[in-house]
Amino acid sequence: MDPQPDEFFRPMASLFDDWLRGARLREIVHLVHLIRAELTRRGITLLWSIDQHGSEDNEASHRQ
C-alpha cells in the first residue's frame, strides 16, 4: 500500500510549526504566494486572507 500524503508531511509539520512561530508576516505571505503558485500550476485555486488577532489596536476595533 502506498503511504498517504499525511505520512509524507507529518515529519515536516513540526518544522513548519517552529518556523511559522518565528517567522515575520512578510515571510509567511511570501510562502503562501509560493504555495498558491504551485497549486495554481496544478489547477487548484487557493483563496486566503490575513487578519491579525491579538494586537491591541485590532482587538479594540473589534470590540466597538
N, C-alpha and C. Protein backbone atom coordinates (compact mmCIF):
# COMPACT_ATOMS: atom_id res chain seq x y z
N MET A 1 0.84 -1.18 0.00
CA MET A 1 0.00 0.00 0.00
C MET A 1 0.89 1.25 0.00
N ASP A 2 0.55 2.22 -0.85
CA ASP A 2 1.31 3.46 -0.90
C ASP A 2 1.03 4.32 0.33
N PRO A 3 2.06 5.00 0.85
CA PRO A 3 1.83 5.87 2.00
C PRO A 3 0.89 7.03 1.63
N GLN A 4 0.07 7.42 2.57
CA GLN A 4 -0.83 8.55 2.38
C GLN A 4 -0.03 9.85 2.43
N PRO A 5 -0.51 10.90 1.76
CA PRO A 5 0.21 12.18 1.78
C PRO A 5 0.49 12.68 3.20
N ASP A 6 -0.41 12.44 4.14
CA ASP A 6 -0.19 12.87 5.52
C ASP A 6 1.07 12.25 6.10
N GLU A 7 1.35 11.01 5.73
CA GLU A 7 2.54 10.34 6.23
C GLU A 7 3.81 11.01 5.71
N PHE A 8 3.76 11.53 4.50
CA PHE A 8 4.92 12.24 3.96
C PHE A 8 5.10 13.59 4.64
N PHE A 9 4.00 14.24 4.95
CA PHE A 9 4.04 15.59 5.50
C PHE A 9 4.32 15.61 7.01
N ARG A 10 3.88 14.60 7.72
CA ARG A 10 3.96 14.58 9.19
C ARG A 10 5.35 14.94 9.72
N PRO A 11 6.45 14.40 9.20
CA PRO A 11 7.76 14.77 9.73
C PRO A 11 8.09 16.27 9.53
N MET A 12 7.50 16.86 8.50
CA MET A 12 7.77 18.28 8.23
C MET A 12 6.85 19.20 9.01
N ALA A 13 5.73 18.69 9.50
CA ALA A 13 4.74 19.54 10.17
C ALA A 13 5.34 20.28 11.36
N SER A 14 6.11 19.59 12.18
CA SER A 14 6.69 20.27 13.35
C SER A 14 7.72 21.31 12.91
N LEU A 15 8.44 21.04 11.82
CA LEU A 15 9.38 22.04 11.30
C LEU A 15 8.64 23.29 10.85
N PHE A 16 7.51 23.10 10.14
CA PHE A 16 6.70 24.25 9.72
C PHE A 16 6.15 25.00 10.92
N ASP A 17 5.67 24.27 11.94
CA ASP A 17 5.15 24.92 13.14
C ASP A 17 6.22 25.81 13.78
N ASP A 18 7.42 25.27 13.95
CA ASP A 18 8.51 26.03 14.55
C ASP A 18 8.85 27.26 13.70
N TRP A 19 8.93 27.06 12.39
CA TRP A 19 9.27 28.17 11.51
C TRP A 19 8.20 29.25 11.55
N LEU A 20 6.93 28.85 11.48
CA LEU A 20 5.83 29.82 11.49
C LEU A 20 5.80 30.63 12.79
N ARG A 21 6.12 30.00 13.91
CA ARG A 21 6.14 30.73 15.19
C ARG A 21 7.15 31.86 15.16
N GLY A 22 8.27 31.65 14.50
CA GLY A 22 9.33 32.66 14.48
C GLY A 22 9.34 33.54 13.24
N ALA A 23 8.52 33.22 12.27
CA ALA A 23 8.55 33.95 11.00
C ALA A 23 7.83 35.29 11.11
N ARG A 24 8.30 36.22 10.31
CA ARG A 24 7.63 37.51 10.20
C ARG A 24 6.50 37.37 9.19
N LEU A 25 5.52 38.25 9.30
CA LEU A 25 4.36 38.20 8.42
C LEU A 25 4.78 38.23 6.96
N ARG A 26 5.76 39.04 6.61
CA ARG A 26 6.23 39.12 5.22
C ARG A 26 6.74 37.77 4.73
N GLU A 27 7.45 37.04 5.58
CA GLU A 27 7.96 35.72 5.20
C GLU A 27 6.83 34.72 5.00
N ILE A 28 5.83 34.80 5.88
CA ILE A 28 4.68 33.89 5.78
C ILE A 28 3.91 34.17 4.50
N VAL A 29 3.67 35.45 4.20
CA VAL A 29 2.94 35.81 2.99
C VAL A 29 3.71 35.34 1.75
N HIS A 30 5.02 35.47 1.76
CA HIS A 30 5.82 35.00 0.63
C HIS A 30 5.65 33.49 0.44
N LEU A 31 5.68 32.75 1.54
CA LEU A 31 5.49 31.30 1.47
C LEU A 31 4.11 30.96 0.91
N VAL A 32 3.08 31.68 1.36
CA VAL A 32 1.72 31.42 0.87
C VAL A 32 1.64 31.70 -0.63
N HIS A 33 2.32 32.76 -1.09
CA HIS A 33 2.33 33.05 -2.53
C HIS A 33 3.00 31.93 -3.32
N LEU A 34 4.09 31.38 -2.78
CA LEU A 34 4.75 30.25 -3.45
C LEU A 34 3.83 29.03 -3.51
N ILE A 35 3.16 28.75 -2.40
CA ILE A 35 2.22 27.62 -2.36
C ILE A 35 1.08 27.85 -3.34
N ARG A 36 0.56 29.07 -3.35
CA ARG A 36 -0.55 29.39 -4.27
C ARG A 36 -0.12 29.20 -5.73
N ALA A 37 1.09 29.63 -6.06
CA ALA A 37 1.58 29.48 -7.44
C ALA A 37 1.67 28.00 -7.82
N GLU A 38 2.17 27.17 -6.90
CA GLU A 38 2.28 25.74 -7.19
C GLU A 38 0.90 25.10 -7.33
N LEU A 39 -0.02 25.46 -6.45
CA LEU A 39 -1.37 24.90 -6.54
C LEU A 39 -2.05 25.35 -7.83
N THR A 40 -1.86 26.61 -8.22
CA THR A 40 -2.43 27.12 -9.47
C THR A 40 -1.88 26.33 -10.66
N ARG A 41 -0.58 26.04 -10.62
CA ARG A 41 0.03 25.24 -11.68
C ARG A 41 -0.62 23.87 -11.79
N ARG A 42 -1.10 23.36 -10.65
CA ARG A 42 -1.76 22.05 -10.62
C ARG A 42 -3.26 22.14 -10.85
N GLY A 43 -3.75 23.35 -11.11
CA GLY A 43 -5.17 23.52 -11.39
C GLY A 43 -6.05 23.67 -10.16
N ILE A 44 -5.44 24.04 -9.03
CA ILE A 44 -6.18 24.20 -7.78
C ILE A 44 -6.19 25.68 -7.42
N THR A 45 -7.35 26.19 -7.03
CA THR A 45 -7.47 27.59 -6.63
C THR A 45 -7.38 27.70 -5.12
N LEU A 46 -6.50 28.57 -4.64
CA LEU A 46 -6.35 28.82 -3.21
C LEU A 46 -6.85 30.22 -2.92
N LEU A 47 -7.86 30.32 -2.05
CA LEU A 47 -8.38 31.60 -1.61
C LEU A 47 -7.97 31.78 -0.15
N TRP A 48 -7.43 32.95 0.18
CA TRP A 48 -6.99 33.17 1.54
C TRP A 48 -7.06 34.65 1.89
N SER A 49 -7.04 34.93 3.18
CA SER A 49 -7.00 36.30 3.66
C SER A 49 -6.16 36.34 4.93
N ILE A 50 -5.76 37.52 5.31
CA ILE A 50 -4.95 37.70 6.52
C ILE A 50 -5.69 38.62 7.47
N ASP A 51 -5.78 38.21 8.72
CA ASP A 51 -6.36 39.04 9.76
C ASP A 51 -5.50 38.83 11.00
N GLN A 52 -4.93 39.89 11.51
CA GLN A 52 -4.03 39.78 12.66
C GLN A 52 -4.82 39.88 13.95
N HIS A 53 -4.85 38.79 14.71
CA HIS A 53 -5.52 38.75 16.00
C HIS A 53 -4.48 38.96 17.09
N GLY A 54 -4.91 39.59 18.17
CA GLY A 54 -4.01 39.71 19.30
C GLY A 54 -3.40 41.08 19.47
N SER A 55 -3.39 41.92 18.44
CA SER A 55 -2.84 43.25 18.62
C SER A 55 -3.87 44.11 19.35
N GLU A 56 -3.41 45.01 20.18
CA GLU A 56 -4.32 45.84 20.98
C GLU A 56 -5.23 46.68 20.10
N ASP A 57 -4.68 47.30 19.05
CA ASP A 57 -5.49 48.13 18.15
C ASP A 57 -6.57 47.30 17.49
N ASN A 58 -6.21 46.12 17.03
CA ASN A 58 -7.16 45.25 16.34
C ASN A 58 -8.26 44.79 17.29
N GLU A 59 -7.89 44.41 18.50
CA GLU A 59 -8.88 43.96 19.48
C GLU A 59 -9.83 45.09 19.85
N ALA A 60 -9.31 46.31 20.01
CA ALA A 60 -10.14 47.45 20.36
C ALA A 60 -11.15 47.75 19.25
N SER A 61 -10.72 47.66 18.00
CA SER A 61 -11.63 47.95 16.90
C SER A 61 -12.72 46.88 16.77
N HIS A 62 -12.40 45.64 17.16
CA HIS A 62 -13.40 44.57 17.10
C HIS A 62 -14.43 44.69 18.23
N ARG A 63 -14.02 45.29 19.36
CA ARG A 63 -14.92 45.46 20.50
C ARG A 63 -15.97 46.53 20.23
N GLN A 64 -15.65 47.50 19.37
CA GLN A 64 -16.58 48.62 19.13
C GLN A 64 -17.73 48.23 18.27
